[in-house]
Amino acid sequence: MADKQTGSGGAFRVVNPFDSSEVGSFEFANAEEVQRVLQVLNTGKKVVKSIPVYQRANILNEIASCIERRSEELVTVISKEIGKTLIDSRAEVARAAITARASADACRAVT
């Protein structure tokens, strides 16, 4: 759960929904930062198009492996930020890894 800090000039606080403790915070992007990010994303889109499909599949498998290696850390973050139970958080993390691997398989099916 998150709420906008009042009087902070655009800060965003992430709070645990059960005990209201602060999990983290960040500043909102201004219009200039948003434009800069959009330019980076447009460049990234061109780069991704140039990556062969088999390499995209490898990247997706590496993402899945990273999720699996850091699963307990991700479980903790999800539980603290959203208030899901540890069991539900573990299921969400597992689903993310499965989705990345399924996407890798789909890439390979295209080639």
C-alpha atoms as a PDB file:
ATOM      1  CA  MET A   1       0.000   0.000   0.000  1.00  0.00           C
ATOM      2  CA  ALA A   2       1.283   3.472  -0.737  1.00  0.00           C
ATOM      3  CA  ASP A   3       0.256   6.990  -0.015  1.00  0.00           C
ATOM      4  CA  LYS A   4       1.418  10.407  -1.134  1.00  0.00           C
ATOM      5  CA  GLN A   5       3.293  12.289   1.568  1.00  0.00           C
ATOM      6  CA  THR A   6       1.784  15.646   2.256  1.00  0.00           C
ATOM      7  CA  GLY A   7       4.079  18.630   1.996  1.00  0.00           C
ATOM      8  CA  SER A   8       6.935  16.546   0.598  1.00  0.00           C
ATOM      9  CA  GLY A   9       6.974  18.030  -2.882  1.00  0.00           C
ATOM     10  CA  GLY A  10       5.986  14.829  -4.615  1.00  0.00           C
ATOM     11  CA  ALA A  11       7.382  12.041  -2.463  1.00  0.00           C
ATOM     12  CA  PHE A  12       5.638   8.681  -2.405  1.00  0.00           C
ATOM     13  CA  ARG A  13       5.727   6.554   0.742  1.00  0.00           C
ATOM     14  CA  VAL A  14       5.251   2.807   0.605  1.00  0.00           C
ATOM     15  CA  VAL A  15       3.762   1.603   3.881  1.00  0.00           C
ATOM     16  CA  ASN A  16       3.027  -1.821   5.293  1.00  0.00           C
ATOM     17  CA  PRO A  17      -0.786  -2.122   5.336  1.00  0.00           C
ATOM     18  CA  PHE A  18      -0.782  -3.990   8.651  1.00  0.00           C
ATOM     19  CA  ASP A  19       1.390  -1.837  10.898  1.00  0.00           C
ATOM     20  CA  SER A  20       1.760   1.358   8.800  1.00  0.00           C
ATOM     21  CA  SER A  21       5.560   1.148   9.008  1.00  0.00           C
ATOM     22  CA  GLU A  22       7.397   2.727   6.109  1.00  0.00           C
ATOM     23  CA  VAL A  23       8.806   0.147   3.718  1.00  0.00           C
ATOM     24  CA  GLY A  24      10.370   2.701   1.383  1.00  0.00           C
ATOM     25  CA  SER A  25       9.840   5.954  -0.455  1.00  0.00           C
ATOM     26  CA  PHE A  26      10.702   7.634  -3.732  1.00  0.00           C
ATOM     27  CA  GLU A  27      10.169  10.923  -5.510  1.00  0.00           C
ATOM     28  CA  PHE A  28       7.625  11.334  -8.285  1.00  0.00           C
ATOM     29  CA  ALA A  29       9.128  12.048 -11.709  1.00  0.00           C
ATOM     30  CA  ASN A  30       8.636  15.494 -13.172  1.00  0.00           C
ATOM     31  CA  ALA A  31       7.624  16.094 -16.796  1.00  0.00           C
ATOM     32  CA  GLU A  32      11.250  16.420 -17.948  1.00  0.00           C
ATOM     33  CA  GLU A  33      12.211  13.103 -16.351  1.00  0.00           C
ATOM     34  CA  VAL A  34       9.190  11.399 -17.917  1.00  0.00           C
ATOM     35  CA  GLN A  35      10.217  12.668 -21.370  1.00  0.00           C
ATOM     36  CA  ARG A  36      13.780  11.441 -20.826  1.00  0.00           C
ATOM     37  CA  VAL A  37      12.511   7.987 -19.802  1.00  0.00           C
ATOM     38  CA  LEU A  38      10.225   7.826 -22.846  1.00  0.00           C
ATOM     39  CA  GLN A  39      13.209   8.573 -25.093  1.00  0.00           C
ATOM     40  CA  VAL A  40      15.201   5.780 -23.429  1.00  0.00           C
ATOM     41  CA  LEU A  41      12.276   3.385 -23.865  1.00  0.00           C
ATOM     42  CA  ASN A  42      11.959   4.242 -27.568  1.00  0.00           C
ATOM     43  CA  THR A  43      15.674   3.578 -28.022  1.00  0.00           C
ATOM     44  CA  GLY A  44      15.319   0.345 -26.049  1.00  0.00           C
ATOM     45  CA  LYS A  45      12.478  -0.769 -28.287  1.00  0.00           C
ATOM     46  CA  LYS A  46      14.756  -0.442 -31.322  1.00  0.00           C
ATOM     47  CA  VAL A  47      17.534  -2.335 -29.558  1.00  0.00           C
ATOM     48  CA  VAL A  48      15.209  -5.173 -28.528  1.00  0.00           C
ATOM     49  CA  LYS A  49      13.965  -5.528 -32.104  1.00  0.00           C
ATOM     50  CA  SER A  50      17.558  -6.099 -33.197  1.00  0.00           C
ATOM     51  CA  ILE A  51      18.162  -8.914 -30.670  1.00  0.00           C
ATOM     52  CA  PRO A  52      17.702 -12.356 -32.210  1.00  0.00           C
ATOM     53  CA  VAL A  53      14.772 -14.304 -30.805  1.00  0.00           C
ATOM     54  CA  TYR A  54      16.986 -17.030 -29.343  1.00  0.00           C
ATOM     55  CA  GLN A  55      18.880 -14.372 -27.346  1.00  0.00           C
ATOM     56  CA  ARG A  56      15.596 -12.926 -26.077  1.00  0.00           C
ATOM     57  CA  ALA A  57      14.688 -16.426 -24.893  1.00  0.00           C
ATOM     58  CA  ASN A  58      18.023 -16.675 -23.081  1.00  0.00           C
ATOM     59  CA  ILE A  59      17.433 -13.294 -21.436  1.00  0.00           C
ATOM     60  CA  LEU A  60      13.976 -14.375 -20.270  1.00  0.00           C
ATOM     61  CA  ASN A  61      15.404 -17.592 -18.824  1.00  0.00           C
ATOM     62  CA  GLU A  62      18.044 -15.572 -16.979  1.00  0.00           C
ATOM     63  CA  ILE A  63      15.300 -13.319 -15.592  1.00  0.00           C
ATOM     64  CA  ALA A  64      13.482 -16.428 -14.349  1.00  0.00           C
ATOM     65  CA  SER A  65      16.683 -17.690 -12.745  1.00  0.00           C
ATOM     66  CA  CYS A  66      17.242 -14.334 -11.020  1.00  0.00           C
ATOM     67  CA  ILE A  67      13.688 -14.390  -9.690  1.00  0.00           C
ATOM     68  CA  GLU A  68      14.232 -17.909  -8.367  1.00  0.00           C
ATOM     69  CA  ARG A  69      17.593 -17.030  -6.760  1.00  0.00           C
ATOM     70  CA  ARG A  70      16.141 -14.000  -5.013  1.00  0.00           C
ATOM     71  CA  SER A  71      12.725 -15.482  -4.344  1.00  0.00           C
ATOM     72  CA  GLU A  72      12.717 -15.086  -0.556  1.00  0.00           C
ATOM     73  CA  GLU A  73      13.819 -11.456  -0.848  1.00  0.00           C
ATOM     74  CA  LEU A  74      11.009 -10.816  -3.333  1.00  0.00           C
ATOM     75  CA  VAL A  75       8.537 -12.657  -1.100  1.00  0.00           C
ATOM     76  CA  THR A  76       9.464 -10.383   1.804  1.00  0.00           C
ATOM     77  CA  VAL A  77       9.096  -7.225  -0.289  1.00  0.00           C
ATOM     78  CA  ILE A  78       5.693  -8.280  -1.635  1.00  0.00           C
ATOM     79  CA  SER A  79       4.463  -9.201   1.815  1.00  0.00           C
ATOM     80  CA  LYS A  80       5.622  -5.918   3.355  1.00  0.00           C
ATOM     81  CA  GLU A  81       4.471  -3.654   0.529  1.00  0.00           C
ATOM     82  CA  ILE A  82       1.136  -5.241  -0.301  1.00  0.00           C
ATOM     83  CA  GLY A  83       0.289  -7.177   2.828  1.00  0.00           C
ATOM     84  CA  LYS A  84      -0.028 -10.563   1.150  1.00  0.00           C
ATOM     85  CA  THR A  85       0.614 -13.614   3.241  1.00  0.00           C
ATOM     86  CA  LEU A  86       3.970 -15.318   2.774  1.00  0.00           C
ATOM     87  CA  ILE A  87       2.229 -18.256   1.087  1.00  0.00           C
ATOM     88  CA  ASP A  88       0.491 -15.945  -1.407  1.00  0.00           C
ATOM     89  CA  SER A  89       3.697 -13.967  -1.943  1.00  0.00           C
ATOM     90  CA  ARG A  90       5.623 -17.165  -2.689  1.00  0.00           C
ATOM     91  CA  ALA A  91       2.956 -18.166  -5.198  1.00  0.00           C
ATOM     92  CA  GLU A  92       3.239 -14.766  -6.898  1.00  0.00           C
ATOM     93  CA  VAL A  93       7.028 -15.015  -7.135  1.00  0.00           C
ATOM     94  CA  ALA A  94       6.822 -18.570  -8.473  1.00  0.00           C
ATOM     95  CA  ARG A  95       4.240 -17.441 -11.038  1.00  0.00           C
ATOM     96  CA  ALA A  96       6.570 -14.640 -12.197  1.00  0.00           C
ATOM     97  CA  ALA A  97       9.405 -17.116 -12.775  1.00  0.00           C
ATOM     98  CA  ILE A  98       7.062 -19.530 -14.559  1.00  0.00           C
ATOM     99  CA  THR A  99       5.776 -16.716 -16.776  1.00  0.00           C
ATOM    100  CA  ALA A 100       9.316 -15.682 -17.731  1.00  0.00           C
ATOM    101  CA  ARG A 101      10.197 -19.292 -18.626  1.00  0.00           C
ATOM    102  CA  ALA A 102       6.960 -19.726 -20.587  1.00  0.00           C
ATOM    103  CA  SER A 103       7.750 -16.535 -22.493  1.00  0.00           C
ATOM    104  CA  ALA A 104      11.212 -17.904 -23.274  1.00  0.00           C
ATOM    105  CA  ASP A 105       9.620 -21.103 -24.586  1.00  0.00           C
ATOM    106  CA  ALA A 106       7.258 -19.034 -26.725  1.00  0.00           C
ATOM    107  CA  CYS A 107      10.241 -17.181 -28.209  1.00  0.00           C
ATOM    108  CA  ARG A 108      11.864 -20.454 -29.119  1.00  0.00           C
ATOM    109  CA  ALA A 109       8.645 -21.668 -30.732  1.00  0.00           C
ATOM    110  CA  VAL A 110       8.741 -18.670 -33.091  1.00  0.00           C
ATOM    111  CA  THR A 111      12.171 -19.595 -34.466  1.00  0.00           C
END
